[in-house]
Protein backbone atom coordinates (compact mmCIF):
# COMPACT_ATOMS: atom_id res chain seq x y z
CA MET A 1 -9.65 75.92 -4.65
CA ALA A 2 -8.09 74.90 -1.17
CA ALA A 3 -11.28 72.49 -0.37
CA SER A 4 -10.67 71.39 -3.87
CA THR A 5 -7.08 70.22 -3.23
CA SER A 6 -8.10 69.19 -0.02
CA GLY A 7 -10.61 66.79 -1.56
CA LYS A 8 -7.95 64.99 -4.21
CA SER A 9 -5.98 64.40 -1.56
CA LYS A 10 -8.20 62.52 0.65
CA SER A 11 -8.95 61.02 -2.86
CA THR A 12 -5.63 59.98 -3.70
CA SER A 13 -5.00 59.04 -0.09
CA ALA A 14 -7.89 56.63 -0.08
CA SER A 15 -7.24 55.34 -3.30
CA ALA A 16 -3.70 54.65 -2.31
CA LEU A 17 -4.85 53.12 0.83
CA GLY A 18 -7.15 50.78 -1.44
CA THR A 19 -3.61 49.47 -3.67
CA ALA A 20 -1.78 49.16 -0.45
CA LEU A 21 -4.61 46.61 0.70
CA ALA A 22 -5.74 45.17 -2.22
CA VAL A 23 -1.28 44.10 -2.51
CA MET A 24 -1.30 43.18 1.24
CA ARG A 25 -4.92 40.70 0.18
CA THR A 26 -3.11 39.36 -2.46
CA ALA A 27 0.19 38.64 -0.78
CA SER A 28 -1.60 36.84 1.79
CA ASP A 29 -3.57 34.58 -0.58
CA PHE A 30 -0.29 34.10 -2.28
CA ALA A 31 1.47 33.08 0.91
CA SER A 32 -1.29 30.62 1.67
CA ASN A 33 -1.52 29.37 -1.68
CA ALA A 34 2.37 28.53 -1.51
CA SER A 35 1.93 27.27 2.26
CA THR A 36 -0.67 24.40 0.86
CA ALA A 37 0.83 24.05 -2.20
CA LEU A 38 4.04 23.34 0.18
CA LYS A 39 2.37 20.66 2.10
CA VAL A 40 0.65 19.15 -1.00
CA ALA A 41 4.16 18.68 -2.51
CA GLN A 42 5.45 17.32 0.89
CA GLY A 43 2.61 14.56 1.45
CA ILE A 44 3.25 13.15 -2.18
CA GLY A 45 7.08 13.66 -1.81
CA SER A 46 6.62 11.19 1.44
CA THR A 47 4.16 8.80 -0.35
CA ILE A 48 6.76 8.52 -2.85
CA ARG A 49 9.49 7.70 -0.59
CA THR A 50 7.17 5.51 1.59
CA THR A 51 6.00 3.37 -1.61
CA ARG A 52 9.73 3.19 -3.12
CA GLU A 53 10.71 2.34 0.56
CA LEU A 54 8.48 -1.00 0.65
CA GLN A 55 9.22 -1.92 -2.43
CA GLN A 56 13.06 -1.60 -1.37
CA LEU A 57 14.12 0.13 -4.39
CA SER A 58 17.12 2.88 -4.38
CA LEU A 59 16.49 6.46 -5.42
CA SER A 60 18.72 5.14 -8.54
CA ASP A 61 16.45 2.03 -9.18
CA LEU A 62 13.42 4.67 -9.18
CA ALA A 63 14.85 7.08 -11.38
CA LYS A 64 15.81 4.26 -14.08
CA ARG A 65 12.52 2.55 -13.80
CA ALA A 66 10.51 6.07 -14.65
CA GLY A 67 12.84 7.46 -17.04
CA VAL A 68 13.74 10.44 -14.76
CA SER A 69 16.89 12.19 -13.00
CA LYS A 70 17.57 10.73 -9.28
CA SER A 71 18.15 13.97 -8.41
CA VAL A 72 14.34 15.28 -9.76
CA VAL A 73 13.23 12.16 -7.46
CA SER A 74 15.06 13.49 -4.71
CA ARG A 75 13.52 16.62 -4.48
CA ILE A 76 10.37 15.47 -5.39
CA GLU A 77 10.00 12.98 -2.34
CA ALA A 78 11.62 16.04 0.03
CA GLY A 79 9.05 18.45 -1.06
CA LEU A 80 11.11 20.55 -2.79
CA THR A 81 9.59 20.54 -5.99
CA SER A 82 5.62 20.04 -7.35
CA PRO A 83 5.47 16.97 -9.81
CA THR A 84 3.68 17.54 -12.90
CA ALA A 85 0.74 14.60 -13.50
CA VAL A 86 2.64 13.12 -16.27
CA MET A 87 5.39 12.96 -13.90
CA LEU A 88 3.78 11.30 -10.99
CA ALA A 89 2.49 8.74 -13.85
CA LYS A 90 6.18 7.94 -14.76
CA LEU A 91 6.87 7.35 -11.14
CA ALA A 92 3.83 5.43 -10.34
CA GLU A 93 4.48 2.89 -13.39
CA GLY A 94 7.94 2.81 -12.40
CA MET A 95 6.56 1.23 -8.74
CA THR A 96 3.96 -0.42 -10.56
CA VAL A 97 1.38 1.09 -8.45
CA SER A 98 -1.62 3.71 -9.19
CA LEU A 99 -1.38 7.18 -9.99
CA SER A 100 -4.35 7.77 -7.37
CA SER A 101 -2.20 5.84 -4.50
CA LEU A 102 0.92 8.29 -4.83
CA LEU A 103 -2.02 11.41 -4.34
CA ARG A 104 -2.93 10.16 -0.78
CA GLY A 105 -0.61 12.73 0.39
CA ASP A 106 -0.53 13.22 4.50
CA MET A 107 -3.97 10.70 4.58
CA GLY A 108 -1.86 7.70 4.32
CA PRO A 109 -2.48 4.23 3.17
CA PRO A 110 -6.05 3.45 2.76
CA VAL A 111 -7.95 1.36 5.46
CA HIS A 112 -9.52 -1.56 3.61
CA ILE A 113 -12.29 -3.23 5.89
CA GLN A 114 -13.84 -6.35 5.24
CA GLN A 115 -17.55 -7.42 6.82
CA VAL A 116 -17.87 -11.17 8.01
CA ALA A 117 -20.79 -11.21 5.28
CA GLU A 118 -18.13 -10.01 2.25
CA GLN A 119 -15.26 -12.71 3.17
CA PRO A 120 -15.47 -14.87 -0.09
CA ILE A 121 -15.61 -18.58 1.21
CA PHE A 122 -14.25 -21.21 -1.68
CA LYS A 123 -15.31 -24.78 -1.15
CA ASP A 124 -13.57 -27.54 -2.69
CA PRO A 125 -16.15 -30.10 -3.88
CA LYS A 126 -13.04 -32.87 -4.86
CA THR A 127 -11.12 -32.64 -1.44
CA GLY A 128 -13.61 -31.13 1.01
CA LEU A 129 -11.34 -27.75 1.37
CA VAL A 130 -13.33 -24.62 2.69
CA ARG A 131 -11.23 -21.70 2.15
CA ARG A 132 -12.17 -18.59 3.80
CA THR A 133 -10.07 -15.02 3.13
CA LEU A 134 -10.51 -13.03 6.15
CA SER A 135 -8.26 -10.45 5.26
CA PRO A 136 -9.42 -7.80 2.57
CA VAL A 137 -8.21 -8.18 -0.39
CA SER A 138 -6.46 -5.37 -1.92
CA PRO A 139 -3.82 -4.69 -4.55
CA ASP A 140 -0.90 -3.02 -2.73
CA ALA A 141 -1.99 -6.18 0.60
CA LEU A 142 1.58 -7.80 1.18
CA VAL A 143 -0.32 -10.24 3.67
CA GLU A 144 -3.62 -12.45 3.17
CA ILE A 145 -5.20 -14.07 6.17
CA VAL A 146 -6.89 -17.56 5.42
CA HIS A 147 -8.74 -20.09 7.44
CA ASN A 148 -9.06 -23.06 6.16
CA SER A 149 -10.85 -26.39 6.97
CA LEU A 150 -10.16 -29.81 5.84
CA PRO A 151 -12.15 -33.19 6.13
CA PRO A 152 -10.41 -36.30 7.93
CA ARG A 153 -7.94 -38.08 5.57
CA LYS A 154 -8.20 -35.33 3.02
CA THR A 155 -5.85 -33.48 1.15
CA THR A 156 -5.50 -29.99 -0.17
CA GLY A 157 -3.68 -31.24 -3.25
CA HIS A 158 -0.06 -30.03 -3.86
CA PHE A 159 -0.40 -25.91 -5.16
CA PRO A 160 2.21 -24.68 -6.99
CA ALA A 161 5.42 -22.16 -6.40
CA HIS A 162 4.17 -19.13 -5.20
CA THR A 163 6.41 -15.80 -5.98
CA LEU A 164 10.21 -16.33 -4.80
CA GLY A 165 10.21 -15.01 -1.14
CA THR A 166 6.99 -15.81 -0.58
CA GLN A 167 6.52 -17.19 2.94
CA GLU A 168 3.63 -19.01 4.80
CA HIS A 169 2.64 -19.21 8.60
CA VAL A 170 0.04 -21.99 9.35
CA VAL A 171 -1.55 -22.29 13.17
CA VAL A 172 -3.97 -25.24 14.43
CA LEU A 173 -7.15 -24.46 15.54
CA ALA A 174 -8.03 -28.13 15.71
CA GLY A 175 -7.30 -31.17 14.82
CA LYS A 176 -4.11 -32.62 13.42
CA ILE A 177 -2.48 -31.97 9.78
CA GLU A 178 0.32 -32.58 7.67
CA VAL A 179 2.67 -29.97 5.53
CA THR A 180 4.65 -30.71 3.29
CA ALA A 181 6.86 -28.21 1.90
CA GLY A 182 8.90 -29.37 -1.27
CA LYS A 183 10.73 -32.13 0.15
CA ARG A 184 10.20 -32.15 3.55
CA SER A 185 7.29 -33.14 5.82
CA PHE A 186 5.59 -32.18 9.51
CA THR A 187 3.26 -32.94 10.87
CA LEU A 188 1.20 -30.12 13.80
CA ASP A 189 -1.40 -30.55 16.53
CA THR A 190 -4.04 -27.98 18.23
CA GLY A 191 -2.33 -24.89 18.86
CA ASP A 192 1.00 -25.69 16.89
CA ALA A 193 2.32 -23.03 14.56
CA ALA A 194 5.24 -23.53 11.80
CA GLN A 195 6.28 -20.83 9.27
CA PHE A 196 7.73 -22.27 6.18
CA PRO A 197 8.71 -21.38 2.19
CA ALA A 198 5.95 -21.00 -0.27
CA ASP A 199 8.08 -20.46 -3.16
CA ILE A 200 7.93 -24.13 -3.96
CA GLU A 201 5.34 -26.92 -4.26
CA HIS A 202 3.31 -27.40 -1.56
CA ALA A 203 0.53 -29.09 0.44
CA VAL A 204 -1.41 -30.07 3.71
CA ARG A 205 -3.05 -33.25 4.60
CA ASN A 206 -5.89 -34.00 7.21
CA ALA A 207 -3.78 -36.57 9.74
CA GLY A 208 -6.26 -36.75 12.20
CA SER A 209 -10.00 -38.72 12.52
CA LYS A 210 -11.76 -35.10 12.61
CA ARG A 211 -12.16 -32.45 10.63
CA ALA A 212 -9.20 -29.85 10.95
CA GLU A 213 -8.98 -26.21 10.89
CA TRP A 214 -6.13 -23.93 10.65
CA LEU A 215 -5.28 -20.46 10.00
CA LEU A 216 -3.05 -19.55 7.25
CA VAL A 217 -0.92 -16.22 6.86
CA ILE A 218 0.60 -15.78 3.47
CA HIS A 219 3.47 -13.07 3.29
CA SER A 220 4.16 -11.98 -0.19
CA PRO A 221 7.58 -9.94 -1.02
CA PRO A 222 6.93 -6.36 -2.24
CA ARG A 223 5.97 -6.48 -6.11
CA GLY A 224 9.78 -4.75 -7.54
CA ALA A 225 11.63 -6.04 -4.60
CA LYS A 226 15.22 -6.82 -5.24
CA ARG A 227 15.35 -10.18 -5.67
């Protein structure tokens, strides 16, 4: 009888130990999952905050656009709460970006690479302008880099005004060009550089006797930026 009681005691102890270990594993898994969820939430919140600030939007601006409360946006950006897919979609729409862009989290903004063979080249049959796009084309890019070349005495024609706040930077690589921006015109020789507003009508003319080449950097304001 004593042996039987001893056996039951050992069995009970083993069972209790097994239960305790299972509880510990469950707690450990829960802690691990909670830690992972927290990191994900913080990464997404950081991406949302960075995107909002790049667009120069306040918390109130984004909350109004997304149709949610300011406190909710603040908690999401701080990583204090995990947003639902619907909530993320609302925030993405409010900043006119894709939902996927907000899920990059700690990976940060994507890196766009464009090999030389992939650079688009446009040749204007009327003016002889050759336009090579050097920078990768992406929906979230604020800067575009272009290499232009134009035959002697030819003009690009007048480009319409770009989005309000757009700036263009020009560096002459070869020859001489005349830039017209609105009512103002100026001439640049090889090596010269200039910056001018491109939210007005503008044009470039080859003012020399040789083919002119220039590097053009177009800087656009963030979408949704305050005016």
